[in-house]
């Protein structure tokens, strides 16, 4: 049993090292690359900006079509990105599976952020 667990862990670690994520624009980025770290940072900052704009827009016009749904979609899609940021801020290590799942959620967060930004541009 221990040998099987060790092999599974080794395979998971090997996959993490060579795994790539496709950005919303279709660019493949290795999870361990500096480009991926910069991508996560960019998406995190942009989703925070858009989330703030959504909050103010909802306060100003609570009945405006689609804003509540866009905010919920953004929160759901960006939960992994926010977990990465929170764990870094709190100097807390996430488990391997959590880190991989959060990293793979970044393109979904990017797409939700783009969709919400487009909605905010409409009158």
PDB file of N, CA and C in Angstrom:
ATOM      1  N   UNK A   1       0.813  -1.190   0.000  1.00  0.00           N
ATOM      2  CA  UNK A   1       0.000   0.000   0.000  1.00  0.00           C
ATOM      3  C   UNK A   1       0.863   1.263   0.000  1.00  0.00           C
ATOM      4  N   UNK A   2       1.907   1.275   0.811  1.00  0.00           N
ATOM      5  CA  UNK A   2       2.782   2.449   0.866  1.00  0.00           C
ATOM      6  C   UNK A   2       3.484   2.642  -0.468  1.00  0.00           C
ATOM      7  N   UNK A   3       3.891   1.571  -1.111  1.00  0.00           N
ATOM      8  CA  UNK A   3       4.543   1.673  -2.413  1.00  0.00           C
ATOM      9  C   UNK A   3       3.626   2.278  -3.456  1.00  0.00           C
ATOM     10  N   UNK A   4       2.363   1.918  -3.430  1.00  0.00           N
ATOM     11  CA  UNK A   4       1.388   2.467  -4.362  1.00  0.00           C
ATOM     12  C   UNK A   4       1.191   3.952  -4.117  1.00  0.00           C
ATOM     13  N   UNK A   5       1.071   4.344  -2.862  1.00  0.00           N
ATOM     14  CA  UNK A   5       0.911   5.761  -2.530  1.00  0.00           C
ATOM     15  C   UNK A   5       2.121   6.567  -2.979  1.00  0.00           C
ATOM     16  N   UNK A   6       3.295   6.022  -2.771  1.00  0.00           N
ATOM     17  CA  UNK A   6       4.516   6.716  -3.178  1.00  0.00           C
ATOM     18  C   UNK A   6       4.556   6.897  -4.692  1.00  0.00           C
ATOM     19  N   UNK A   7       4.146   5.860  -5.433  1.00  0.00           N
ATOM     20  CA  UNK A   7       4.130   5.971  -6.896  1.00  0.00           C
ATOM     21  C   UNK A   7       3.109   7.002  -7.364  1.00  0.00           C
ATOM     22  N   UNK A   8       1.941   7.021  -6.744  1.00  0.00           N
ATOM     23  CA  UNK A   8       0.912   8.001  -7.101  1.00  0.00           C
ATOM     24  C   UNK A   8       1.405   9.410  -6.804  1.00  0.00           C
ATOM     25  N   UNK A   9       2.019   9.605  -5.650  1.00  0.00           N
ATOM     26  CA  UNK A   9       2.549  10.912  -5.293  1.00  0.00           C
ATOM     27  C   UNK A   9       3.645  11.331  -6.272  1.00  0.00           C
ATOM     28  N   UNK A  10       4.535  10.429  -6.601  1.00  0.00           N
ATOM     29  CA  UNK A  10       5.606  10.742  -7.544  1.00  0.00           C
ATOM     30  C   UNK A  10       5.031  11.111  -8.914  1.00  0.00           C
ATOM     31  N   UNK A  11       4.036  10.376  -9.366  1.00  0.00           N
ATOM     32  CA  UNK A  11       3.408  10.665 -10.664  1.00  0.00           C
ATOM     33  C   UNK A  11       2.717  12.029 -10.634  1.00  0.00           C
ATOM     34  N   UNK A  12       2.042  12.332  -9.530  1.00  0.00           N
ATOM     35  CA  UNK A  12       1.363  13.620  -9.400  1.00  0.00           C
ATOM     36  C   UNK A  12       2.363  14.763  -9.426  1.00  0.00           C
ATOM     37  N   UNK A  13       3.461  14.601  -8.700  1.00  0.00           N
ATOM     38  CA  UNK A  13       4.493  15.640  -8.688  1.00  0.00           C
ATOM     39  C   UNK A  13       5.118  15.822 -10.070  1.00  0.00           C
ATOM     40  N   UNK A  14       5.329  14.729 -10.768  1.00  0.00           N
ATOM     41  CA  UNK A  14       5.898  14.815 -12.115  1.00  0.00           C
ATOM     42  C   UNK A  14       4.932  15.526 -13.058  1.00  0.00           C
ATOM     43  N   UNK A  15       3.651  15.220 -12.942  1.00  0.00           N
ATOM     44  CA  UNK A  15       2.657  15.874 -13.795  1.00  0.00           C
ATOM     45  C   UNK A  15       2.560  17.357 -13.488  1.00  0.00           C
ATOM     46  N   UNK A  16       2.670  17.714 -12.220  1.00  0.00           N
ATOM     47  CA  UNK A  16       2.592  19.118 -11.855  1.00  0.00           C
ATOM     48  C   UNK A  16       3.732  19.907 -12.504  1.00  0.00           C
ATOM     49  N   UNK A  17       4.895  19.328 -12.545  1.00  0.00           N
ATOM     50  CA  UNK A  17       6.049  20.020 -13.095  1.00  0.00           C
ATOM     51  C   UNK A  17       5.934  20.288 -14.576  1.00  0.00           C
ATOM     52  N   UNK A  18       5.248  19.436 -15.315  1.00  0.00           N
ATOM     53  CA  UNK A  18       5.169  19.625 -16.758  1.00  0.00           C
ATOM     54  C   UNK A  18       3.768  20.026 -17.206  1.00  0.00           C
ATOM     55  N   UNK A  19       2.843  20.209 -16.268  1.00  0.00           N
ATOM     56  CA  UNK A  19       1.478  20.578 -16.616  1.00  0.00           C
ATOM     57  C   UNK A  19       1.432  22.014 -17.100  1.00  0.00           C
ATOM     58  N   UNK A  20       0.488  22.265 -17.993  1.00  0.00           N
ATOM     59  CA  UNK A  20       0.302  23.610 -18.514  1.00  0.00           C
ATOM     60  C   UNK A  20      -1.169  23.975 -18.408  1.00  0.00           C
ATOM     61  N   UNK A  21      -1.404  25.266 -18.337  1.00  0.00           N
ATOM     62  CA  UNK A  21      -2.749  25.818 -18.311  1.00  0.00           C
ATOM     63  C   UNK A  21      -2.875  26.695 -19.545  1.00  0.00           C
ATOM     64  N   UNK A  22      -4.033  26.607 -20.197  1.00  0.00           N
ATOM     65  CA  UNK A  22      -4.306  27.490 -21.332  1.00  0.00           C
ATOM     66  C   UNK A  22      -5.007  28.736 -20.820  1.00  0.00           C
ATOM     67  N   UNK A  23      -4.454  29.900 -21.110  1.00  0.00           N
ATOM     68  CA  UNK A  23      -5.105  31.144 -20.723  1.00  0.00           C
ATOM     69  C   UNK A  23      -6.406  31.277 -21.506  1.00  0.00           C
ATOM     70  N   UNK A  24      -7.217  32.266 -21.144  1.00  0.00           N
ATOM     71  CA  UNK A  24      -8.471  32.500 -21.872  1.00  0.00           C
ATOM     72  C   UNK A  24      -8.183  32.809 -23.341  1.00  0.00           C
ATOM     73  N   UNK A  25      -7.000  33.329 -23.613  1.00  0.00           N
ATOM     74  CA  UNK A  25      -6.597  33.629 -24.989  1.00  0.00           C
ATOM     75  C   UNK A  25      -5.965  32.450 -25.707  1.00  0.00           C
ATOM     76  N   UNK A  26      -5.856  31.306 -25.033  1.00  0.00           N
ATOM     77  CA  UNK A  26      -5.327  30.102 -25.651  1.00  0.00           C
ATOM     78  C   UNK A  26      -3.829  29.904 -25.531  1.00  0.00           C
ATOM     79  N   UNK A  27      -3.151  30.745 -24.766  1.00  0.00           N
ATOM     80  CA  UNK A  27      -1.698  30.615 -24.597  1.00  0.00           C
ATOM     81  C   UNK A  27      -1.387  29.583 -23.521  1.00  0.00           C
ATOM     82  N   UNK A  28      -0.579  28.550 -23.837  1.00  0.00           N
ATOM     83  CA  UNK A  28      -0.221  27.566 -22.807  1.00  0.00           C
ATOM     84  C   UNK A  28       0.893  28.108 -21.906  1.00  0.00           C
ATOM     85  N   UNK A  29       0.686  27.971 -20.606  1.00  0.00           N
ATOM     86  CA  UNK A  29       1.685  28.411 -19.634  1.00  0.00           C
ATOM     87  C   UNK A  29       1.965  27.273 -18.669  1.00  0.00           C
ATOM     88  N   UNK A  30       3.230  26.986 -18.455  1.00  0.00           N
ATOM     89  CA  UNK A  30       3.626  25.966 -17.489  1.00  0.00           C
ATOM     90  C   UNK A  30       3.315  26.458 -16.080  1.00  0.00           C
ATOM     91  N   UNK A  31       2.794  25.564 -15.254  1.00  0.00           N
ATOM     92  CA  UNK A  31       2.426  25.939 -13.887  1.00  0.00           C
ATOM     93  C   UNK A  31       3.603  26.455 -13.078  1.00  0.00           C
ATOM     94  N   UNK A  32       4.801  26.051 -13.432  1.00  0.00           N
ATOM     95  CA  UNK A  32       5.986  26.461 -12.665  1.00  0.00           C
ATOM     96  C   UNK A  32       6.728  27.644 -13.289  1.00  0.00           C
ATOM     97  N   UNK A  33       6.200  28.193 -14.361  1.00  0.00           N
ATOM     98  CA  UNK A  33       6.926  29.258 -15.057  1.00  0.00           C
ATOM     99  C   UNK A  33       6.674  30.630 -14.432  1.00  0.00           C
ATOM    100  N   UNK A  34       7.636  31.536 -14.583  1.00  0.00           N
ATOM    101  CA  UNK A  34       7.430  32.916 -14.125  1.00  0.00           C
ATOM    102  C   UNK A  34       6.274  33.577 -14.881  1.00  0.00           C
ATOM    103  N   UNK A  35       6.064  33.170 -16.125  1.00  0.00           N
ATOM    104  CA  UNK A  35       4.965  33.718 -16.918  1.00  0.00           C
ATOM    105  C   UNK A  35       3.612  33.349 -16.298  1.00  0.00           C
ATOM    106  N   UNK A  36       3.518  32.121 -15.779  1.00  0.00           N
ATOM    107  CA  UNK A  36       2.272  31.708 -15.147  1.00  0.00           C
ATOM    108  C   UNK A  36       2.038  32.513 -13.874  1.00  0.00           C
ATOM    109  N   UNK A  37       3.078  32.715 -13.082  1.00  0.00           N
ATOM    110  CA  UNK A  37       2.936  33.508 -11.859  1.00  0.00           C
ATOM    111  C   UNK A  37       2.475  34.930 -12.184  1.00  0.00           C
ATOM    112  N   UNK A  38       3.059  35.510 -13.238  1.00  0.00           N
ATOM    113  CA  UNK A  38       2.656  36.863 -13.657  1.00  0.00           C
ATOM    114  C   UNK A  38       1.205  36.865 -14.153  1.00  0.00           C
ATOM    115  N   UNK A  39       0.816  35.815 -14.853  1.00  0.00           N
ATOM    116  CA  UNK A  39      -0.558  35.670 -15.341  1.00  0.00           C
ATOM    117  C   UNK A  39      -1.538  35.615 -14.176  1.00  0.00           C
ATOM    118  N   UNK A  40      -1.244  34.811 -13.170  1.00  0.00           N
ATOM    119  CA  UNK A  40      -2.114  34.701 -11.997  1.00  0.00           C
ATOM    120  C   UNK A  40      -2.233  36.062 -11.319  1.00  0.00           C
ATOM    121  N   UNK A  41      -1.128  36.753 -11.164  1.00  0.00           N
ATOM    122  CA  UNK A  41      -1.135  38.074 -10.526  1.00  0.00           C
ATOM    123  C   UNK A  41      -2.004  39.050 -11.327  1.00  0.00           C
ATOM    124  N   UNK A  42      -1.847  39.038 -12.640  1.00  0.00           N
ATOM    125  CA  UNK A  42      -2.625  39.936 -13.506  1.00  0.00           C
ATOM    126  C   UNK A  42      -4.113  39.635 -13.400  1.00  0.00           C
ATOM    127  N   UNK A  43      -4.475  38.355 -13.475  1.00  0.00           N
ATOM    128  CA  UNK A  43      -5.883  37.964 -13.385  1.00  0.00           C
ATOM    129  C   UNK A  43      -6.442  38.329 -12.009  1.00  0.00           C
ATOM    130  N   UNK A  44      -5.677  38.094 -10.957  1.00  0.00           N
ATOM    131  CA  UNK A  44      -6.118  38.420  -9.605  1.00  0.00           C
ATOM    132  C   UNK A  44      -6.408  39.911  -9.474  1.00  0.00           C
ATOM    133  N   UNK A  45      -5.494  40.736  -9.936  1.00  0.00           N
ATOM    134  CA  UNK A  45      -5.678  42.191  -9.834  1.00  0.00           C
ATOM    135  C   UNK A  45      -6.872  42.669 -10.666  1.00  0.00           C
ATOM    136  N   UNK A  46      -7.004  42.125 -11.870  1.00  0.00           N
ATOM    137  CA  UNK A  46      -8.107  42.536 -12.743  1.00  0.00           C
ATOM    138  C   UNK A  46      -9.453  42.097 -12.163  1.00  0.00           C
ATOM    139  N   UNK A  47      -9.529  40.886 -11.635  1.00  0.00           N
ATOM    140  CA  UNK A  47     -10.804  40.449 -11.069  1.00  0.00           C
ATOM    141  C   UNK A  47     -11.159  41.258  -9.835  1.00  0.00           C
ATOM    142  N   UNK A  48     -10.176  41.688  -9.064  1.00  0.00           N
ATOM    143  CA  UNK A  48     -10.451  42.557  -7.918  1.00  0.00           C
ATOM    144  C   UNK A  48     -11.003  43.902  -8.379  1.00  0.00           C
ATOM    145  N   UNK A  49     -10.406  44.449  -9.427  1.00  0.00           N
ATOM    146  CA  UNK A  49     -10.873  45.730  -9.961  1.00  0.00           C
ATOM    147  C   UNK A  49     -12.319  45.612 -10.442  1.00  0.00           C
ATOM    148  N   UNK A  50     -12.596  44.549 -11.208  1.00  0.00           N
ATOM    149  CA  UNK A  50     -13.942  44.357 -11.754  1.00  0.00           C
ATOM    150  C   UNK A  50     -14.938  44.054 -10.639  1.00  0.00           C
ATOM    151  N   UNK A  51     -14.543  43.272  -9.638  1.00  0.00           N
ATOM    152  CA  UNK A  51     -15.429  42.980  -8.507  1.00  0.00           C
ATOM    153  C   UNK A  51     -15.801  44.264  -7.769  1.00  0.00           C
ATOM    154  N   UNK A  52     -14.835  45.170  -7.602  1.00  0.00           N
ATOM    155  CA  UNK A  52     -15.127  46.461  -6.969  1.00  0.00           C
ATOM    156  C   UNK A  52     -16.126  47.253  -7.806  1.00  0.00           C
ATOM    157  N   UNK A  53     -15.901  47.302  -9.109  1.00  0.00           N
ATOM    158  CA  UNK A  53     -16.815  48.024  -9.999  1.00  0.00           C
ATOM    159  C   UNK A  53     -18.215  47.420  -9.950  1.00  0.00           C
ATOM    160  N   UNK A  54     -18.293  46.093  -9.915  1.00  0.00           N
ATOM    161  CA  UNK A  54     -19.591  45.422  -9.818  1.00  0.00           C
ATOM    162  C   UNK A  54     -20.301  45.812  -8.522  1.00  0.00           C
ATOM    163  N   UNK A  55     -19.575  45.824  -7.431  1.00  0.00           N
ATOM    164  CA  UNK A  55     -20.174  46.162  -6.139  1.00  0.00           C
ATOM    165  C   UNK A  55     -20.752  47.572  -6.172  1.00  0.00           C
ATOM    166  N   UNK A  56     -20.007  48.524  -6.726  1.00  0.00           N
ATOM    167  CA  UNK A  56     -20.501  49.902  -6.808  1.00  0.00           C
ATOM    168  C   UNK A  56     -21.676  50.008  -7.769  1.00  0.00           C
ATOM    169  N   UNK A  57     -21.615  49.285  -8.881  1.00  0.00           N
ATOM    170  CA  UNK A  57     -22.715  49.307  -9.852  1.00  0.00           C
ATOM    171  C   UNK A  57     -23.975  48.714  -9.236  1.00  0.00           C
ATOM    172  N   UNK A  58     -23.845  47.653  -8.474  1.00  0.00           N
ATOM    173  CA  UNK A  58     -25.004  47.039  -7.809  1.00  0.00           C
ATOM    174  C   UNK A  58     -25.595  47.977  -6.760  1.00  0.00           C
ATOM    175  N   UNK A  59     -24.736  48.688  -6.083  1.00  0.00           N
ATOM    176  CA  UNK A  59     -25.217  49.640  -5.080  1.00  0.00           C
ATOM    177  C   UNK A  59     -25.986  50.774  -5.747  1.00  0.00           C
ATOM    178  N   UNK A  60     -25.493  51.232  -6.887  1.00  0.00           N
ATOM    179  CA  UNK A  60     -26.124  52.344  -7.596  1.00  0.00           C
ATOM    180  C   UNK A  60     -27.403  51.925  -8.313  1.00  0.00           C
ATOM    181  N   UNK A  61     -27.432  50.708  -8.826  1.00  0.00           N
ATOM    182  CA  UNK A  61     -28.588  50.235  -9.605  1.00  0.00           C
ATOM    183  C   UNK A  61     -28.828  48.758  -9.305  1.00  0.00           C
ATOM    184  N   UNK A  62     -29.407  48.455  -8.156  1.00  0.00           N
ATOM    185  CA  UNK A  62     -29.567  47.052  -7.745  1.00  0.00           C
ATOM    186  C   UNK A  62     -30.394  46.202  -8.709  1.00  0.00           C
ATOM    187  N   UNK A  63     -31.265  46.819  -9.479  1.00  0.00           N
ATOM    188  CA  UNK A  63     -32.125  46.055 -10.396  1.00  0.00           C
ATOM    189  C   UNK A  63     -31.525  45.938 -11.799  1.00  0.00           C
ATOM    190  N   UNK A  64     -30.329  46.452 -11.998  1.00  0.00           N
ATOM    191  CA  UNK A  64     -29.721  46.404 -13.331  1.00  0.00           C
ATOM    192  C   UNK A  64     -29.508  44.954 -13.762  1.00  0.00           C
ATOM    193  N   UNK A  65     -30.020  44.650 -14.920  1.00  0.00           N
ATOM    194  CA  UNK A  65     -30.036  43.271 -15.431  1.00  0.00           C
ATOM    195  C   UNK A  65     -28.646  42.646 -15.486  1.00  0.00           C
ATOM    196  N   UNK A  66     -28.554  41.492 -14.910  1.00  0.00           N
ATOM    197  CA  UNK A  66     -27.356  40.679 -15.041  1.00  0.00           C
ATOM    198  C   UNK A  66     -26.228  40.950 -14.067  1.00  0.00           C
ATOM    199  N   UNK A  67     -26.280  42.051 -13.349  1.00  0.00           N
ATOM    200  CA  UNK A  67     -25.152  42.377 -12.469  1.00  0.00           C
ATOM    201  C   UNK A  67     -24.992  41.384 -11.324  1.00  0.00           C
ATOM    202  N   UNK A  68     -26.094  41.015 -10.702  1.00  0.00           N
ATOM    203  CA  UNK A  68     -26.016  40.071  -9.591  1.00  0.00           C
ATOM    204  C   UNK A  68     -25.489  38.726 -10.069  1.00  0.00           C
ATOM    205  N   UNK A  69     -25.978  38.266 -11.208  1.00  0.00           N
ATOM    206  CA  UNK A  69     -25.503  36.990 -11.771  1.00  0.00           C
ATOM    207  C   UNK A  69     -24.026  37.081 -12.141  1.00  0.00           C
ATOM    208  N   UNK A  70     -23.614  38.216 -12.698  1.00  0.00           N
ATOM    209  CA  UNK A  70     -22.208  38.394 -13.077  1.00  0.00           C
ATOM    210  C   UNK A  70     -21.318  38.403 -11.845  1.00  0.00           C
ATOM    211  N   UNK A  71     -21.786  39.042 -10.777  1.00  0.00           N
ATOM    212  CA  UNK A  71     -21.006  39.063  -9.544  1.00  0.00           C
ATOM    213  C   UNK A  71     -20.864  37.651  -8.972  1.00  0.00           C
ATOM    214  N   UNK A  72     -21.963  36.897  -8.969  1.00  0.00           N
ATOM    215  CA  UNK A  72     -21.910  35.531  -8.447  1.00  0.00           C
ATOM    216  C   UNK A  72     -20.999  34.649  -9.303  1.00  0.00           C
ATOM    217  N   UNK A  73     -21.096  34.792 -10.621  1.00  0.00           N
ATOM    218  CA  UNK A  73     -20.233  34.017 -11.530  1.00  0.00           C
ATOM    219  C   UNK A  73     -18.762  34.356 -11.291  1.00  0.00           C
ATOM    220  N   UNK A  74     -18.484  35.633 -11.070  1.00  0.00           N
ATOM    221  CA  UNK A  74     -17.113  36.069 -10.814  1.00  0.00           C
ATOM    222  C   UNK A  74     -16.595  35.482  -9.503  1.00  0.00           C
ATOM    223  N   UNK A  75     -17.405  35.556  -8.461  1.00  0.00           N
ATOM    224  CA  UNK A  75     -16.989  35.004  -7.164  1.00  0.00           C
ATOM    225  C   UNK A  75     -16.731  33.506  -7.246  1.00  0.00           C
ATOM    226  N   UNK A  76     -17.610  32.804  -7.949  1.00  0.00           N
ATOM    227  CA  UNK A  76     -17.462  31.351  -8.074  1.00  0.00           C
ATOM    228  C   UNK A  76     -16.229  30.995  -8.899  1.00  0.00           C
ATOM    229  N   UNK A  77     -16.082  31.642 -10.056  1.00  0.00           N
ATOM    230  CA  UNK A  77     -14.969  31.317 -10.952  1.00  0.00           C
ATOM    231  C   UNK A  77     -13.618  31.700 -10.356  1.00  0.00           C
ATOM    232  N   UNK A  78     -13.596  32.720  -9.517  1.00  0.00           N
ATOM    233  CA  UNK A  78     -12.324  33.227  -8.989  1.00  0.00           C
ATOM    234  C   UNK A  78     -12.008  32.742  -7.577  1.00  0.00           C
ATOM    235  N   UNK A  79     -12.791  31.825  -7.069  1.00  0.00           N
ATOM    236  CA  UNK A  79     -12.542  31.318  -5.711  1.00  0.00           C
ATOM    237  C   UNK A  79     -11.142  30.712  -5.590  1.00  0.00           C
ATOM    238  N   UNK A  80     -10.708  29.952  -6.589  1.00  0.00           N
ATOM    239  CA  UNK A  80      -9.383  29.340  -6.545  1.00  0.00           C
ATOM    240  C   UNK A  80      -8.264  30.369  -6.573  1.00  0.00           C
ATOM    241  N   UNK A  81      -8.422  31.391  -7.410  1.00  0.00           N
ATOM    242  CA  UNK A  81      -7.418  32.458  -7.497  1.00  0.00           C
ATOM    243  C   UNK A  81      -7.336  33.196  -6.160  1.00  0.00           C
ATOM    244  N   UNK A  82      -8.488  33.462  -5.577  1.00  0.00           N
ATOM    245  CA  UNK A  82      -8.502  34.143  -4.281  1.00  0.00           C
ATOM    246  C   UNK A  82      -7.903  33.268  -3.182  1.00  0.00           C
ATOM    247  N   UNK A  83      -8.114  31.965  -3.282  1.00  0.00           N
ATOM    248  CA  UNK A  83      -7.513  31.043  -2.310  1.00  0.00           C
ATOM    249  C   UNK A  83      -5.987  31.059  -2.427  1.00  0.00           C
ATOM    250  N   UNK A  84      -5.481  31.092  -3.650  1.00  0.00           N
ATOM    251  CA  UNK A  84      -4.027  31.186  -3.847  1.00  0.00           C
ATOM    252  C   UNK A  84      -3.488  32.466  -3.215  1.00  0.00           C
ATOM    253  N   UNK A  85      -4.158  33.578  -3.469  1.00  0.00           N
ATOM    254  CA  UNK A  85      -3.700  34.867  -2.938  1.00  0.00           C
ATOM    255  C   UNK A  85      -3.779  34.898  -1.415  1.00  0.00           C
ATOM    256  N   UNK A  86      -4.858  34.388  -0.871  1.00  0.00           N
ATOM    257  CA  UNK A  86      -5.038  34.379   0.575  1.00  0.00           C
ATOM    258  C   UNK A  86      -3.989  33.495   1.254  1.00  0.00           C
ATOM    259  N   UNK A  87      -3.738  32.342   0.665  1.00  0.00           N
ATOM    260  CA  UNK A  87      -2.738  31.453   1.275  1.00  0.00           C
ATOM    261  C   UNK A  87      -1.349  32.080   1.226  1.00  0.00           C
ATOM    262  N   UNK A  88      -1.049  32.779   0.149  1.00  0.00           N
ATOM    263  CA  UNK A  88       0.254  33.457   0.062  1.00  0.00           C
ATOM    264  C   UNK A  88       0.337  34.573   1.103  1.00  0.00           C
ATOM    265  N   UNK A  89      -0.727  35.369   1.184  1.00  0.00           N
ATOM    266  CA  UNK A  89      -0.753  36.468   2.158  1.00  0.00           C
ATOM    267  C   UNK A  89      -0.596  35.955   3.586  1.00  0.00           C
ATOM    268  N   UNK A  90      -1.275  34.854   3.890  1.00  0.00           N
ATOM    269  CA  UNK A  90      -1.264  34.297   5.240  1.00  0.00           C
ATOM    270  C   UNK A  90      -0.090  33.347   5.485  1.00  0.00           C
ATOM    271  N   UNK A  91       0.790  33.217   4.501  1.00  0.00           N
ATOM    272  CA  UNK A  91       1.939  32.318   4.583  1.00  0.00           C
ATOM    273  C   UNK A  91       1.504  30.905   4.958  1.00  0.00           C
ATOM    274  N   UNK A  92       0.463  30.451   4.274  1.00  0.00           N
ATOM    275  CA  UNK A  92      -0.112  29.129   4.504  1.00  0.00           C
ATOM    276  C   UNK A  92       0.056  28.312   3.224  1.00  0.00           C
ATOM    277  N   UNK A  93       0.516  27.092   3.381  1.00  0.00           N
ATOM    278  CA  UNK A  93       0.701  26.213   2.220  1.00  0.00           C
ATOM    279  C   UNK A  93      -0.571  25.434   1.940  1.00  0.00           C
ATOM    280  N   UNK A  94      -0.966  25.454   0.674  1.00  0.00           N
ATOM    281  CA  UNK A  94      -2.093  24.633   0.247  1.00  0.00           C
ATOM    282  C   UNK A  94      -1.576  23.251  -0.098  1.00  0.00           C
ATOM    283  N   UNK A  95      -2.440  22.280  -0.015  1.00  0.00           N
ATOM    284  CA  UNK A  95      -2.080  20.934  -0.442  1.00  0.00           C
ATOM    285  C   UNK A  95      -1.864  20.900  -1.950  1.00  0.00           C
ATOM    286  N   UNK A  96      -1.183  19.893  -2.402  1.00  0.00           N
ATOM    287  CA  UNK A  96      -0.861  19.771  -3.825  1.00  0.00           C
ATOM    288  C   UNK A  96      -2.106  19.811  -4.699  1.00  0.00           C
ATOM    289  N   UNK A  97      -3.102  19.039  -4.356  1.00  0.00           N
ATOM    290  CA  UNK A  97      -4.322  19.005  -5.163  1.00  0.00           C
ATOM    291  C   UNK A  97      -5.027  20.360  -5.159  1.00  0.00           C
ATOM    292  N   UNK A  98      -5.025  21.039  -4.023  1.00  0.00           N
ATOM    293  CA  UNK A  98      -5.632  22.374  -3.941  1.00  0.00           C
ATOM    294  C   UNK A  98      -4.897  23.359  -4.832  1.00  0.00           C
ATOM    295  N   UNK A  99      -3.559  23.304  -4.811  1.00  0.00           N
ATOM    296  CA  UNK A  99      -2.768  24.221  -5.636  1.00  0.00           C
ATOM    297  C   UNK A  99      -3.026  23.977  -7.114  1.00  0.00           C
ATOM    298  N   UNK A 100      -3.063  22.718  -7.512  1.00  0.00           N
ATOM    299  CA  UNK A 100      -3.294  22.395  -8.920  1.00  0.00           C
ATOM    300  C   UNK A 100      -4.694  22.827  -9.336  1.00  0.00           C
ATOM    301  N   UNK A 101      -5.701  22.522  -8.511  1.00  0.00           N
ATOM    302  CA  UNK A 101      -7.077  22.905  -8.838  1.00  0.00           C
ATOM    303  C   UNK A 101      -7.202  24.424  -8.927  1.00  0.00           C
ATOM    304  N   UNK A 102      -6.590  25.130  -7.994  1.00  0.00           N
ATOM    305  CA  UNK A 102      -6.651  26.593  -8.012  1.00  0.00           C
ATOM    306  C   UNK A 102      -5.953  27.141  -9.253  1.00  0.00           C
ATOM    307  N   UNK A 103      -4.805  26.584  -9.583  1.00  0.00           N
ATOM    308  CA  UNK A 103      -4.068  27.043 -10.766  1.00  0.00           C
ATOM    309  C   UNK A 103      -4.871  26.806 -12.034  1.00  0.00           C
ATOM    310  N   UNK A 104      -5.523  25.681 -12.117  1.00  0.00           N
ATOM    311  CA  UNK A 104      -6.316  25.368 -13.310  1.00  0.00           C
ATOM    312  C   UNK A 104      -7.584  26.216 -13.412  1.00  0.00           C
ATOM    313  N   UNK A 105      -7.989  26.860 -12.317  1.00  0.00           N
ATOM    314  CA  UNK A 105      -9.186  27.695 -12.338  1.00  0.00           C
ATOM    315  C   UNK A 105      -8.922  29.114 -12.828  1.00  0.00           C
ATOM    316  N   UNK A 106      -7.658  29.493 -12.975  1.00  0.00           N
ATOM    317  CA  UNK A 106      -7.317  30.865 -13.356  1.00  0.00           C
ATOM    318  C   UNK A 106      -7.943  31.265 -14.699  1.00  0.00           C
ATOM    319  N   UNK A 107      -7.890  30.427 -15.741  1.00  0.00           N
ATOM    320  CA  UNK A 107      -8.532  30.835 -17.002  1.00  0.00           C
ATOM    321  C   UNK A 107     -10.044  31.057 -16.858  1.00  0.00           C
ATOM    322  N   UNK A 108     -10.716  30.261 -16.026  1.00  0.00           N
ATOM    323  CA  UNK A 108     -12.150  30.474 -15.802  1.00  0.00           C
ATOM    324  C   UNK A 108     -12.384  31.819 -15.119  1.00  0.00           C
ATOM    325  N   UNK A 109     -11.525  32.156 -14.186  1.00  0.00           N
ATOM    326  CA  UNK A 109     -11.604  33.454 -13.517  1.00  0.00           C
ATOM    327  C   UNK A 109     -11.382  34.578 -14.534  1.00  0.00           C
ATOM    328  N   UNK A 110     -10.405  34.392 -15.403  1.00  0.00           N
ATOM    329  CA  UNK A 110     -10.120  35.404 -16.421  1.00  0.00           C
ATOM    330  C   UNK A 110     -11.337  35.610 -17.321  1.00  0.00           C
ATOM    331  N   UNK A 111     -11.970  34.513 -17.762  1.00  0.00           N
ATOM    332  CA  UNK A 111     -13.154  34.619 -18.627  1.00  0.00           C
ATOM    333  C   UNK A 111     -14.324  35.294 -17.896  1.00  0.00           C
ATOM    334  N   UNK A 112     -14.552  34.914 -16.644  1.00  0.00           N
ATOM    335  CA  UNK A 112     -15.638  35.529 -15.870  1.00  0.00           C
ATOM    336  C   UNK A 112     -15.374  37.019 -15.664  1.00  0.00           C
ATOM    337  N   UNK A 113     -14.126  37.378 -15.449  1.00  0.00           N
ATOM    338  CA  UNK A 113     -13.750  38.780 -15.279  1.00  0.00           C
ATOM    339  C   UNK A 113     -14.009  39.550 -16.562  1.00  0.00           C
ATOM    340  N   UNK A 114     -13.618  38.973 -17.689  1.00  0.00           N
ATOM    341  CA  UNK A 114     -13.853  39.629 -18.979  1.00  0.00           C
ATOM    342  C   UNK A 114     -15.345  39.808 -19.237  1.00  0.00           C
ATOM    343  N   UNK A 115     -16.133  38.783 -18.950  1.00  0.00           N
ATOM    344  CA  UNK A 115     -17.586  38.862 -19.160  1.00  0.00           C
ATOM    345  C   UNK A 115     -18.216  39.942 -18.288  1.00  0.00           C
ATOM    346  N   UNK A 116     -17.811  39.996 -17.032  1.00  0.00           N
ATOM    347  CA  UNK A 116     -18.350  41.008 -16.123  1.00  0.00           C
ATOM    348  C   UNK A 116     -17.938  42.410 -16.567  1.00  0.00           C
ATOM    349  N   UNK A 117     -16.703  42.561 -17.030  1.00  0.00           N
ATOM    350  CA  UNK A 117     -16.229  43.871 -17.495  1.00  0.00           C
ATOM    351  C   UNK A 117     -17.043  44.349 -18.697  1.00  0.00           C
ATOM    352  N   UNK A 118     -17.360  43.430 -19.607  1.00  0.00           N
ATOM    353  CA  UNK A 118     -18.176  43.785 -20.778  1.00  0.00           C
ATOM    354  C   UNK A 118     -19.561  44.221 -20.316  1.00  0.00           C
ATOM    355  N   UNK A 119     -20.140  43.498 -19.374  1.00  0.00           N
ATOM    356  CA  UNK A 119     -21.460  43.865 -18.846  1.00  0.00           C
ATOM    357  C   UNK A 119     -21.443  45.239 -18.201  1.00  0.00           C
ATOM    358  N   UNK A 120     -20.379  45.544 -17.486  1.00  0.00           N
ATOM    359  CA  UNK A 120     -20.265  46.854 -16.827  1.00  0.00           C
ATOM    360  C   UNK A 120     -20.167  47.997 -17.834  1.00  0.00           C
ATOM    361  N   UNK A 121     -19.646  47.719 -19.008  1.00  0.00           N
ATOM    362  CA  UNK A 121     -19.504  48.756 -20.037  1.00  0.00           C
ATOM    363  C   UNK A 121     -20.834  49.141 -20.658  1.00  0.00           C
ATOM    364  N   UNK A 122     -21.831  48.244 -20.550  1.00  0.00           N
ATOM    365  CA  UNK A 122     -23.160  48.537 -21.108  1.00  0.00           C
ATOM    366  C   UNK A 122     -23.897  49.518 -20.210  1.00  0.00           C
ATOM    367  N   UNK A 123     -24.691  50.399 -20.849  1.00  0.00           N
ATOM    368  CA  UNK A 123     -25.472  51.348 -20.042  1.00  0.00           C
ATOM    369  C   UNK A 123     -26.622  50.681 -19.300  1.00  0.00           C
TER     370      UNK A 123
END
